[in-house]
Amino acid sequence: MVRPMTLSATADATSHTEESTNAMLHAAIANELRRVRSRVETLAEALVGDAYFVEHYLEHLQGFDMIVQSTDETAAILDRLAAGADVRAAIAPVRLGCVHERLHTALREG
């Protein structure tokens, strides 16, 4: 005999489905960020090959590096969240000080 699901069982199943969906979304966003990082790296490599650009815009090239590092850190956070880490554990390993501080500030203010 098949018994109907109780309200509690239905809520648990819905919660599990939402958690699974959130994990899949976090992983997908992390992959999108990696694609962005790859495109930025490709662009930066092309610009580094231009002596005029390097001579006149070196400061801007360093900005590309910051974008790449920040994108990597953000993707890694999303990977940890997708794997089930809580928010604080997900941001704890962030190495870029400016990103780490902004995320901790957001948690304190939120």
PDB file of N, CA and C in Angstrom:
ATOM      1  N   MET A   1       0.839  -1.179   0.000  1.00  0.00           N
ATOM      2  CA  MET A   1       0.000   0.000   0.000  1.00  0.00           C
ATOM      3  C   MET A   1       0.886   1.246   0.000  1.00  0.00           C
ATOM      4  N   VAL A   2       0.568   2.205  -0.837  1.00  0.00           N
ATOM      5  CA  VAL A   2       1.306   3.447  -0.932  1.00  0.00           C
ATOM      6  C   VAL A   2       0.628   4.480  -0.053  1.00  0.00           C
ATOM      7  N   ARG A   3       1.420   5.084   0.812  1.00  0.00           N
ATOM      8  CA  ARG A   3       0.872   6.103   1.702  1.00  0.00           C
ATOM      9  C   ARG A   3       1.161   7.480   1.138  1.00  0.00           C
ATOM     10  N   PRO A   4       0.200   8.380   1.254  1.00  0.00           N
ATOM     11  CA  PRO A   4       0.445   9.747   0.772  1.00  0.00           C
ATOM     12  C   PRO A   4       1.525  10.414   1.621  1.00  0.00           C
ATOM     13  N   MET A   5       2.254  11.329   0.988  1.00  0.00           N
ATOM     14  CA  MET A   5       3.287  12.058   1.712  1.00  0.00           C
ATOM     15  C   MET A   5       2.647  13.008   2.703  1.00  0.00           C
ATOM     16  N   THR A   6       3.257  13.098   3.857  1.00  0.00           N
ATOM     17  CA  THR A   6       2.773  14.044   4.854  1.00  0.00           C
ATOM     18  C   THR A   6       3.236  15.440   4.483  1.00  0.00           C
ATOM     19  N   LEU A   7       2.652  16.438   5.123  1.00  0.00           N
ATOM     20  CA  LEU A   7       3.044  17.821   4.876  1.00  0.00           C
ATOM     21  C   LEU A   7       4.515  18.022   5.195  1.00  0.00           C
ATOM     22  N   SER A   8       4.985  17.412   6.277  1.00  0.00           N
ATOM     23  CA  SER A   8       6.386  17.530   6.663  1.00  0.00           C
ATOM     24  C   SER A   8       7.293  16.894   5.618  1.00  0.00           C
ATOM     25  N   ALA A   9       6.919  15.727   5.120  1.00  0.00           N
ATOM     26  CA  ALA A   9       7.721  15.043   4.104  1.00  0.00           C
ATOM     27  C   ALA A   9       7.742  15.849   2.815  1.00  0.00           C
ATOM     28  N   THR A  10       6.618  16.457   2.479  1.00  0.00           N
ATOM     29  CA  THR A  10       6.547  17.293   1.278  1.00  0.00           C
ATOM     30  C   THR A  10       7.463  18.503   1.426  1.00  0.00           C
ATOM     31  N   ALA A  11       7.436  19.131   2.590  1.00  0.00           N
ATOM     32  CA  ALA A  11       8.293  20.293   2.850  1.00  0.00           C
ATOM     33  C   ALA A  11       9.759  19.890   2.790  1.00  0.00           C
ATOM     34  N   ASP A  12      10.101  18.717   3.360  1.00  0.00           N
ATOM     35  CA  ASP A  12      11.484  18.243   3.314  1.00  0.00           C
ATOM     36  C   ASP A  12      11.925  17.995   1.873  1.00  0.00           C
ATOM     37  N   ALA A  13      11.054  17.389   1.071  1.00  0.00           N
ATOM     38  CA  ALA A  13      11.383  17.109  -0.325  1.00  0.00           C
ATOM     39  C   ALA A  13      11.553  18.404  -1.106  1.00  0.00           C
ATOM     40  N   THR A  14      10.690  19.378  -0.845  1.00  0.00           N
ATOM     41  CA  THR A  14      10.791  20.673  -1.515  1.00  0.00           C
ATOM     42  C   THR A  14      12.080  21.374  -1.124  1.00  0.00           C
ATOM     43  N   SER A  15      12.414  21.335   0.168  1.00  0.00           N
ATOM     44  CA  SER A  15      13.639  21.961   0.653  1.00  0.00           C
ATOM     45  C   SER A  15      14.861  21.310   0.007  1.00  0.00           C
ATOM     46  N   HIS A  16      14.850  19.975  -0.076  1.00  0.00           N
ATOM     47  CA  HIS A  16      15.971  19.260  -0.695  1.00  0.00           C
ATOM     48  C   HIS A  16      16.097  19.638  -2.169  1.00  0.00           C
ATOM     49  N   THR A  17      14.974  19.736  -2.855  1.00  0.00           N
ATOM     50  CA  THR A  17      14.985  20.109  -4.270  1.00  0.00           C
ATOM     51  C   THR A  17      15.527  21.522  -4.448  1.00  0.00           C
ATOM     52  N   GLU A  18      15.125  22.446  -3.582  1.00  0.00           N
ATOM     53  CA  GLU A  18      15.619  23.823  -3.662  1.00  0.00           C
ATOM     54  C   GLU A  18      17.124  23.877  -3.398  1.00  0.00           C
ATOM     55  N   GLU A  19      17.591  23.097  -2.409  1.00  0.00           N
ATOM     56  CA  GLU A  19      19.019  23.057  -2.115  1.00  0.00           C
ATOM     57  C   GLU A  19      19.793  22.520  -3.312  1.00  0.00           C
ATOM     58  N   SER A  20      19.264  21.477  -3.920  1.00  0.00           N
ATOM     59  CA  SER A  20      19.909  20.884  -5.089  1.00  0.00           C
ATOM     60  C   SER A  20      19.933  21.873  -6.249  1.00  0.00           C
ATOM     61  N   THR A  21      18.831  22.560  -6.454  1.00  0.00           N
ATOM     62  CA  THR A  21      18.756  23.559  -7.523  1.00  0.00           C
ATOM     63  C   THR A  21      19.728  24.694  -7.249  1.00  0.00           C
ATOM     64  N   ASN A  22      19.804  25.149  -6.005  1.00  0.00           N
ATOM     65  CA  ASN A  22      20.745  26.212  -5.647  1.00  0.00           C
ATOM     66  C   ASN A  22      22.178  25.770  -5.892  1.00  0.00           C
ATOM     67  N   ALA A  23      22.499  24.534  -5.527  1.00  0.00           N
ATOM     68  CA  ALA A  23      23.851  24.020  -5.732  1.00  0.00           C
ATOM     69  C   ALA A  23      24.184  23.980  -7.221  1.00  0.00           C
ATOM     70  N   MET A  24      23.244  23.526  -8.020  1.00  0.00           N
ATOM     71  CA  MET A  24      23.488  23.471  -9.469  1.00  0.00           C
ATOM     72  C   MET A  24      23.667  24.871 -10.042  1.00  0.00           C
ATOM     73  N   LEU A  25      22.875  25.825  -9.554  1.00  0.00           N
ATOM     74  CA  LEU A  25      22.997  27.205 -10.023  1.00  0.00           C
ATOM     75  C   LEU A  25      24.341  27.799  -9.612  1.00  0.00           C
ATOM     76  N   HIS A  26      24.751  27.563  -8.370  1.00  0.00           N
ATOM     77  CA  HIS A  26      26.056  28.062  -7.923  1.00  0.00           C
ATOM     78  C   HIS A  26      27.174  27.508  -8.802  1.00  0.00           C
ATOM     79  N   ALA A  27      27.120  26.226  -9.098  1.00  0.00           N
ATOM     80  CA  ALA A  27      28.143  25.601  -9.943  1.00  0.00           C
ATOM     81  C   ALA A  27      28.116  26.180 -11.354  1.00  0.00           C
ATOM     82  N   ALA A  28      26.932  26.410 -11.891  1.00  0.00           N
ATOM     83  CA  ALA A  28      26.811  26.967 -13.244  1.00  0.00           C
ATOM     84  C   ALA A  28      27.352  28.400 -13.296  1.00  0.00           C
ATOM     85  N   ILE A  29      27.056  29.190 -12.288  1.00  0.00           N
ATOM     86  CA  ILE A  29      27.568  30.568 -12.241  1.00  0.00           C
ATOM     87  C   ILE A  29      29.092  30.549 -12.111  1.00  0.00           C
ATOM     88  N   ALA A  30      29.623  29.640 -11.303  1.00  0.00           N
ATOM     89  CA  ALA A  30      31.081  29.515 -11.176  1.00  0.00           C
ATOM     90  C   ALA A  30      31.710  29.227 -12.537  1.00  0.00           C
ATOM     91  N   ASN A  31      31.091  28.345 -13.297  1.00  0.00           N
ATOM     92  CA  ASN A  31      31.609  28.034 -14.634  1.00  0.00           C
ATOM     93  C   ASN A  31      31.527  29.242 -15.564  1.00  0.00           C
ATOM     94  N   GLU A  32      30.451  30.009 -15.470  1.00  0.00           N
ATOM     95  CA  GLU A  32      30.336  31.227 -16.282  1.00  0.00           C
ATOM     96  C   GLU A  32      31.439  32.215 -15.930  1.00  0.00           C
ATOM     97  N   LEU A  33      31.732  32.347 -14.650  1.00  0.00           N
ATOM     98  CA  LEU A  33      32.809  33.247 -14.230  1.00  0.00           C
ATOM     99  C   LEU A  33      34.156  32.776 -14.781  1.00  0.00           C
ATOM    100  N   ARG A  34      34.352  31.475 -14.825  1.00  0.00           N
ATOM    101  CA  ARG A  34      35.600  30.949 -15.394  1.00  0.00           C
ATOM    102  C   ARG A  34      35.691  31.257 -16.892  1.00  0.00           C
ATOM    103  N   ARG A  35      34.570  31.241 -17.569  1.00  0.00           N
ATOM    104  CA  ARG A  35      34.570  31.614 -18.991  1.00  0.00           C
ATOM    105  C   ARG A  35      34.944  33.092 -19.159  1.00  0.00           C
ATOM    106  N   VAL A  36      34.404  33.936 -18.291  1.00  0.00           N
ATOM    107  CA  VAL A  36      34.743  35.366 -18.325  1.00  0.00           C
ATOM    108  C   VAL A  36      36.236  35.528 -18.068  1.00  0.00           C
ATOM    109  N   ARG A  37      36.746  34.841 -17.049  1.00  0.00           N
ATOM    110  CA  ARG A  37      38.173  34.921 -16.728  1.00  0.00           C
ATOM    111  C   ARG A  37      39.021  34.539 -17.937  1.00  0.00           C
ATOM    112  N   SER A  38      38.637  33.481 -18.603  1.00  0.00           N
ATOM    113  CA  SER A  38      39.385  33.012 -19.767  1.00  0.00           C
ATOM    114  C   SER A  38      39.407  34.064 -20.875  1.00  0.00           C
ATOM    115  N   ARG A  39      38.275  34.709 -21.106  1.00  0.00           N
ATOM    116  CA  ARG A  39      38.207  35.746 -22.142  1.00  0.00           C
ATOM    117  C   ARG A  39      39.046  36.963 -21.764  1.00  0.00           C
ATOM    118  N   VAL A  40      39.022  37.333 -20.491  1.00  0.00           N
ATOM    119  CA  VAL A  40      39.822  38.470 -20.031  1.00  0.00           C
ATOM    120  C   VAL A  40      41.306  38.137 -20.165  1.00  0.00           C
ATOM    121  N   GLU A  41      41.688  36.913 -19.807  1.00  0.00           N
ATOM    122  CA  GLU A  41      43.088  36.509 -19.949  1.00  0.00           C
ATOM    123  C   GLU A  41      43.525  36.560 -21.415  1.00  0.00           C
ATOM    124  N   THR A  42      42.672  36.093 -22.303  1.00  0.00           N
ATOM    125  CA  THR A  42      42.990  36.116 -23.734  1.00  0.00           C
ATOM    126  C   THR A  42      43.170  37.551 -24.217  1.00  0.00           C
ATOM    127  N   LEU A  43      42.292  38.435 -23.801  1.00  0.00           N
ATOM    128  CA  LEU A  43      42.396  39.839 -24.176  1.00  0.00           C
ATOM    129  C   LEU A  43      43.680  40.456 -23.619  1.00  0.00           C
ATOM    130  N   ALA A  44      43.974  40.183 -22.361  1.00  0.00           N
ATOM    131  CA  ALA A  44      45.186  40.731 -21.743  1.00  0.00           C
ATOM    132  C   ALA A  44      46.437  40.234 -22.463  1.00  0.00           C
ATOM    133  N   GLU A  45      46.455  38.957 -22.819  1.00  0.00           N
ATOM    134  CA  GLU A  45      47.606  38.407 -23.544  1.00  0.00           C
ATOM    135  C   GLU A  45      47.794  39.110 -24.887  1.00  0.00           C
ATOM    136  N   ALA A  46      46.704  39.385 -25.563  1.00  0.00           N
ATOM    137  CA  ALA A  46      46.793  40.086 -26.850  1.00  0.00           C
ATOM    138  C   ALA A  46      47.345  41.494 -26.651  1.00  0.00           C
ATOM    139  N   LEU A  47      46.909  42.166 -25.616  1.00  0.00           N
ATOM    140  CA  LEU A  47      47.360  43.532 -25.368  1.00  0.00           C
ATOM    141  C   LEU A  47      48.818  43.578 -24.932  1.00  0.00           C
ATOM    142  N   VAL A  48      49.258  42.566 -24.180  1.00  0.00           N
ATOM    143  CA  VAL A  48      50.653  42.515 -23.747  1.00  0.00           C
ATOM    144  C   VAL A  48      51.578  42.378 -24.957  1.00  0.00           C
ATOM    145  N   GLY A  49      51.067  41.798 -26.021  1.00  0.00           N
ATOM    146  CA  GLY A  49      51.856  41.662 -27.242  1.00  0.00           C
ATOM    147  C   GLY A  49      52.025  42.961 -28.009  1.00  0.00           C
ATOM    148  N   ASP A  50      51.330  43.988 -27.604  1.00  0.00           N
ATOM    149  CA  ASP A  50      51.410  45.293 -28.270  1.00  0.00           C
ATOM    150  C   ASP A  50      52.305  46.208 -27.445  1.00  0.00           C
ATOM    151  N   ALA A  51      53.526  46.442 -27.940  1.00  0.00           N
ATOM    152  CA  ALA A  51      54.512  47.225 -27.189  1.00  0.00           C
ATOM    153  C   ALA A  51      54.003  48.623 -26.854  1.00  0.00           C
ATOM    154  N   TYR A  52      53.307  49.253 -27.798  1.00  0.00           N
ATOM    155  CA  TYR A  52      52.776  50.595 -27.547  1.00  0.00           C
ATOM    156  C   TYR A  52      51.797  50.570 -26.377  1.00  0.00           C
ATOM    157  N   PHE A  53      50.903  49.594 -26.386  1.00  0.00           N
ATOM    158  CA  PHE A  53      49.906  49.501 -25.317  1.00  0.00           C
ATOM    159  C   PHE A  53      50.594  49.267 -23.971  1.00  0.00           C
ATOM    160  N   VAL A  54      51.560  48.373 -23.943  1.00  0.00           N
ATOM    161  CA  VAL A  54      52.269  48.087 -22.692  1.00  0.00           C
ATOM    162  C   VAL A  54      52.974  49.339 -22.186  1.00  0.00           C
ATOM    163  N   GLU A  55      53.613  50.065 -23.086  1.00  0.00           N
ATOM    164  CA  GLU A  55      54.346  51.262 -22.692  1.00  0.00           C
ATOM    165  C   GLU A  55      53.420  52.344 -22.131  1.00  0.00           C
ATOM    166  N   HIS A  56      52.247  52.492 -22.727  1.00  0.00           N
ATOM    167  CA  HIS A  56      51.364  53.587 -22.344  1.00  0.00           C
ATOM    168  C   HIS A  56      50.249  53.206 -21.364  1.00  0.00           C
ATOM    169  N   TYR A  57      49.971  51.930 -21.246  1.00  0.00           N
ATOM    170  CA  TYR A  57      48.810  51.526 -20.441  1.00  0.00           C
ATOM    171  C   TYR A  57      49.114  50.371 -19.481  1.00  0.00           C
ATOM    172  N   LEU A  58      50.339  50.289 -19.015  1.00  0.00           N
ATOM    173  CA  LEU A  58      50.728  49.208 -18.113  1.00  0.00           C
ATOM    174  C   LEU A  58      49.818  49.140 -16.887  1.00  0.00           C
ATOM    175  N   GLU A  59      49.467  50.273 -16.361  1.00  0.00           N
ATOM    176  CA  GLU A  59      48.587  50.335 -15.180  1.00  0.00           C
ATOM    177  C   GLU A  59      47.256  49.620 -15.451  1.00  0.00           C
ATOM    178  N   HIS A  60      46.728  49.790 -16.643  1.00  0.00           N
ATOM    179  CA  HIS A  60      45.458  49.147 -17.000  1.00  0.00           C
ATOM    180  C   HIS A  60      45.618  47.639 -17.157  1.00  0.00           C
ATOM    181  N   LEU A  61      46.782  47.211 -17.618  1.00  0.00           N
ATOM    182  CA  LEU A  61      47.038  45.773 -17.735  1.00  0.00           C
ATOM    183  C   LEU A  61      47.019  45.110 -16.358  1.00  0.00           C
ATOM    184  N   GLN A  62      47.496  45.808 -15.360  1.00  0.00           N
ATOM    185  CA  GLN A  62      47.458  45.271 -14.005  1.00  0.00           C
ATOM    186  C   GLN A  62      46.010  45.115 -13.533  1.00  0.00           C
ATOM    187  N   GLY A  63      45.128  45.942 -14.030  1.00  0.00           N
ATOM    188  CA  GLY A  63      43.706  45.806 -13.722  1.00  0.00           C
ATOM    189  C   GLY A  63      43.132  44.507 -14.253  1.00  0.00           C
ATOM    190  N   PHE A  64      43.625  44.072 -15.412  1.00  0.00           N
ATOM    191  CA  PHE A  64      43.184  42.780 -15.954  1.00  0.00           C
ATOM    192  C   PHE A  64      43.534  41.654 -14.985  1.00  0.00           C
ATOM    193  N   ASP A  65      44.723  41.726 -14.411  1.00  0.00           N
ATOM    194  CA  ASP A  65      45.141  40.693 -13.467  1.00  0.00           C
ATOM    195  C   ASP A  65      44.216  40.663 -12.247  1.00  0.00           C
ATOM    196  N   MET A  66      43.834  41.836 -11.769  1.00  0.00           N
ATOM    197  CA  MET A  66      42.923  41.900 -10.624  1.00  0.00           C
ATOM    198  C   MET A  66      41.561  41.306 -10.986  1.00  0.00           C
ATOM    199  N   ILE A  67      41.083  41.569 -12.189  1.00  0.00           N
ATOM    200  CA  ILE A  67      39.810  41.002 -12.643  1.00  0.00           C
ATOM    201  C   ILE A  67      39.895  39.486 -12.675  1.00  0.00           C
ATOM    202  N   VAL A  68      40.983  38.965 -13.208  1.00  0.00           N
ATOM    203  CA  VAL A  68      41.164  37.510 -13.301  1.00  0.00           C
ATOM    204  C   VAL A  68      41.199  36.885 -11.910  1.00  0.00           C
ATOM    205  N   GLN A  69      41.970  37.477 -11.000  1.00  0.00           N
ATOM    206  CA  GLN A  69      42.069  36.932  -9.645  1.00  0.00           C
ATOM    207  C   GLN A  69      40.725  36.997  -8.911  1.00  0.00           C
ATOM    208  N   SER A  70      40.039  38.114  -9.035  1.00  0.00           N
ATOM    209  CA  SER A  70      38.742  38.282  -8.376  1.00  0.00           C
ATOM    210  C   SER A  70      37.722  37.291  -8.923  1.00  0.00           C
ATOM    211  N   THR A  71      37.747  37.086 -10.228  1.00  0.00           N
ATOM    212  CA  THR A  71      36.830  36.134 -10.852  1.00  0.00           C
ATOM    213  C   THR A  71      37.110  34.722 -10.360  1.00  0.00           C
ATOM    214  N   ASP A  72      38.390  34.365 -10.255  1.00  0.00           N
ATOM    215  CA  ASP A  72      38.764  33.046  -9.721  1.00  0.00           C
ATOM    216  C   ASP A  72      38.261  32.862  -8.289  1.00  0.00           C
ATOM    217  N   GLU A  73      38.473  33.865  -7.470  1.00  0.00           N
ATOM    218  CA  GLU A  73      38.041  33.781  -6.067  1.00  0.00           C
ATOM    219  C   GLU A  73      36.525  33.616  -5.969  1.00  0.00           C
ATOM    220  N   THR A  74      35.807  34.387  -6.755  1.00  0.00           N
ATOM    221  CA  THR A  74      34.344  34.324  -6.721  1.00  0.00           C
ATOM    222  C   THR A  74      33.846  32.967  -7.199  1.00  0.00           C
ATOM    223  N   ALA A  75      34.448  32.441  -8.249  1.00  0.00           N
ATOM    224  CA  ALA A  75      34.068  31.110  -8.745  1.00  0.00           C
ATOM    225  C   ALA A  75      34.338  30.049  -7.690  1.00  0.00           C
ATOM    226  N   ALA A  76      35.456  30.156  -6.990  1.00  0.00           N
ATOM    227  CA  ALA A  76      35.788  29.183  -5.949  1.00  0.00           C
ATOM    228  C   ALA A  76      34.784  29.241  -4.796  1.00  0.00           C
ATOM    229  N   ILE A  77      34.343  30.439  -4.448  1.00  0.00           N
ATOM    230  CA  ILE A  77      33.319  30.583  -3.399  1.00  0.00           C
ATOM    231  C   ILE A  77      32.045  29.863  -3.831  1.00  0.00           C
ATOM    232  N   LEU A  78      31.633  30.099  -5.049  1.00  0.00           N
ATOM    233  CA  LEU A  78      30.415  29.452  -5.553  1.00  0.00           C
ATOM    234  C   LEU A  78      30.568  27.931  -5.590  1.00  0.00           C
ATOM    235  N   ASP A  79      31.757  27.447  -5.933  1.00  0.00           N
ATOM    236  CA  ASP A  79      32.000  26.000  -5.901  1.00  0.00           C
ATOM    237  C   ASP A  79      31.829  25.451  -4.487  1.00  0.00           C
ATOM    238  N   ARG A  80      32.377  26.165  -3.510  1.00  0.00           N
ATOM    239  CA  ARG A  80      32.246  25.702  -2.118  1.00  0.00           C
ATOM    240  C   ARG A  80      30.793  25.734  -1.667  1.00  0.00           C
ATOM    241  N   LEU A  81      30.053  26.760  -2.055  1.00  0.00           N
ATOM    242  CA  LEU A  81      28.625  26.816  -1.714  1.00  0.00           C
ATOM    243  C   LEU A  81      27.878  25.669  -2.392  1.00  0.00           C
ATOM    244  N   ALA A  82      28.208  25.391  -3.644  1.00  0.00           N
ATOM    245  CA  ALA A  82      27.560  24.293  -4.370  1.00  0.00           C
ATOM    246  C   ALA A  82      27.842  22.952  -3.703  1.00  0.00           C
ATOM    247  N   ALA A  83      29.023  22.832  -3.086  1.00  0.00           N
ATOM    248  CA  ALA A  83      29.391  21.585  -2.404  1.00  0.00           C
ATOM    249  C   ALA A  83      28.770  21.479  -1.015  1.00  0.00           C
ATOM    250  N   GLY A  84      28.048  22.526  -0.593  1.00  0.00           N
ATOM    251  CA  GLY A  84      27.339  22.462   0.684  1.00  0.00           C
ATOM    252  C   GLY A  84      27.962  23.238   1.821  1.00  0.00           C
ATOM    253  N   ALA A  85      29.028  23.982   1.558  1.00  0.00           N
ATOM    254  CA  ALA A  85      29.653  24.771   2.618  1.00  0.00           C
ATOM    255  C   ALA A  85      28.713  25.890   3.048  1.00  0.00           C
ATOM    256  N   ASP A  86      28.786  26.244   4.340  1.00  0.00           N
ATOM    257  CA  ASP A  86      28.003  27.400   4.771  1.00  0.00           C
ATOM    258  C   ASP A  86      28.717  28.658   4.282  1.00  0.00           C
ATOM    259  N   VAL A  87      28.032  29.771   4.348  1.00  0.00           N
ATOM    260  CA  VAL A  87      28.528  31.014   3.751  1.00  0.00           C
ATOM    261  C   VAL A  87      29.882  31.422   4.323  1.00  0.00           C
ATOM    262  N   ARG A  88      30.031  31.394   5.622  1.00  0.00           N
ATOM    263  CA  ARG A  88      31.298  31.826   6.236  1.00  0.00           C
ATOM    264  C   ARG A  88      32.452  30.894   5.860  1.00  0.00           C
ATOM    265  N   ALA A  89      32.187  29.604   5.815  1.00  0.00           N
ATOM    266  CA  ALA A  89      33.222  28.646   5.410  1.00  0.00           C
ATOM    267  C   ALA A  89      33.568  28.825   3.936  1.00  0.00           C
ATOM    268  N   ALA A  90      32.598  29.223   3.142  1.00  0.00           N
ATOM    269  CA  ALA A  90      32.834  29.403   1.708  1.00  0.00           C
ATOM    270  C   ALA A  90      33.738  30.597   1.425  1.00  0.00           C
ATOM    271  N   ILE A  91      33.633  31.650   2.242  1.00  0.00           N
ATOM    272  CA  ILE A  91      34.450  32.835   1.980  1.00  0.00           C
ATOM    273  C   ILE A  91      35.752  32.853   2.778  1.00  0.00           C
ATOM    274  N   ALA A  92      35.881  31.994   3.773  1.00  0.00           N
ATOM    275  CA  ALA A  92      37.081  31.998   4.620  1.00  0.00           C
ATOM    276  C   ALA A  92      38.389  31.848   3.834  1.00  0.00           C
ATOM    277  N   PRO A  93      38.475  30.975   2.821  1.00  0.00           N
ATOM    278  CA  PRO A  93      39.750  30.796   2.119  1.00  0.00           C
ATOM    279  C   PRO A  93      40.108  31.883   1.100  1.00  0.00           C
ATOM    280  N   VAL A  94      39.274  32.887   0.936  1.00  0.00           N
ATOM    281  CA  VAL A  94      39.539  33.926  -0.068  1.00  0.00           C
ATOM    282  C   VAL A  94      40.883  34.591   0.246  1.00  0.00           C
ATOM    283  N   ARG A  95      41.757  34.648  -0.768  1.00  0.00           N
ATOM    284  CA  ARG A  95      43.113  35.168  -0.595  1.00  0.00           C
ATOM    285  C   ARG A  95      43.238  36.654  -0.896  1.00  0.00           C
ATOM    286  N   LEU A  96      42.410  37.163  -1.786  1.00  0.00           N
ATOM    287  CA  LEU A  96      42.486  38.587  -2.115  1.00  0.00           C
ATOM    288  C   LEU A  96      41.892  39.396  -0.972  1.00  0.00           C
ATOM    289  N   GLY A  97      42.709  40.198  -0.355  1.00  0.00           N
ATOM    290  CA  GLY A  97      42.271  40.951   0.814  1.00  0.00           C
ATOM    291  C   GLY A  97      41.071  41.841   0.553  1.00  0.00           C
ATOM    292  N   CYS A  98      41.053  42.526  -0.585  1.00  0.00           N
ATOM    293  CA  CYS A  98      39.948  43.451  -0.866  1.00  0.00           C
ATOM    294  C   CYS A  98      38.628  42.685  -1.044  1.00  0.00           C
ATOM    295  N   VAL A  99      38.679  41.539  -1.688  1.00  0.00           N
ATOM    296  CA  VAL A  99      37.464  40.731  -1.876  1.00  0.00           C
ATOM    297  C   VAL A  99      37.023  40.156  -0.535  1.00  0.00           C
ATOM    298  N   HIS A 100      37.981  39.638   0.211  1.00  0.00           N
ATOM    299  CA  HIS A 100      37.684  39.047   1.529  1.00  0.00           C
ATOM    300  C   HIS A 100      36.992  40.073   2.427  1.00  0.00           C
ATOM    301  N   GLU A 101      37.536  41.276   2.469  1.00  0.00           N
ATOM    302  CA  GLU A 101      36.968  42.323   3.322  1.00  0.00           C
ATOM    303  C   GLU A 101      35.570  42.728   2.857  1.00  0.00           C
ATOM    304  N   ARG A 102      35.361  42.889   1.558  1.00  0.00           N
ATOM    305  CA  ARG A 102      34.037  43.280   1.057  1.00  0.00           C
ATOM    306  C   ARG A 102      32.986  42.218   1.389  1.00  0.00           C
ATOM    307  N   LEU A 103      33.358  40.969   1.273  1.00  0.00           N
ATOM    308  CA  LEU A 103      32.396  39.891   1.568  1.00  0.00           C
ATOM    309  C   LEU A 103      32.067  39.837   3.058  1.00  0.00           C
ATOM    310  N   HIS A 104      33.078  39.970   3.902  1.00  0.00           N
ATOM    311  CA  HIS A 104      32.818  39.985   5.344  1.00  0.00           C
ATOM    312  C   HIS A 104      31.987  41.204   5.737  1.00  0.00           C
ATOM    313  N   THR A 105      32.245  42.344   5.127  1.00  0.00           N
ATOM    314  CA  THR A 105      31.446  43.533   5.392  1.00  0.00           C
ATOM    315  C   THR A 105      29.993  43.299   4.978  1.00  0.00           C
ATOM    316  N   ALA A 106      29.804  42.663   3.827  1.00  0.00           N
ATOM    317  CA  ALA A 106      28.426  42.378   3.350  1.00  0.00           C
ATOM    318  C   ALA A 106      27.706  41.461   4.337  1.00  0.00           C
ATOM    319  N   LEU A 107      28.405  40.492   4.903  1.00  0.00           N
ATOM    320  CA  LEU A 107      27.770  39.597   5.884  1.00  0.00           C
ATOM    321  C   LEU A 107      27.407  40.338   7.153  1.00  0.00           C
ATOM    322  N   ARG A 108      28.289  41.237   7.587  1.00  0.00           N
ATOM    323  CA  ARG A 108      27.989  42.005   8.808  1.00  0.00           C
ATOM    324  C   ARG A 108      26.795  42.932   8.599  1.00  0.00           C
ATOM    325  N   GLU A 109      26.727  43.524   7.429  1.00  0.00           N
ATOM    326  CA  GLU A 109      25.660  44.497   7.145  1.00  0.00           C
ATOM    327  C   GLU A 109      24.359  43.830   6.758  1.00  0.00           C
ATOM    328  N   GLY A 110      24.453  42.615   6.244  1.00  0.00           N
ATOM    329  CA  GLY A 110      23.249  41.918   5.759  1.00  0.00           C
ATOM    330  C   GLY A 110      22.593  41.186   6.836  1.00  0.00           C
TER     331      GLY A 110
END
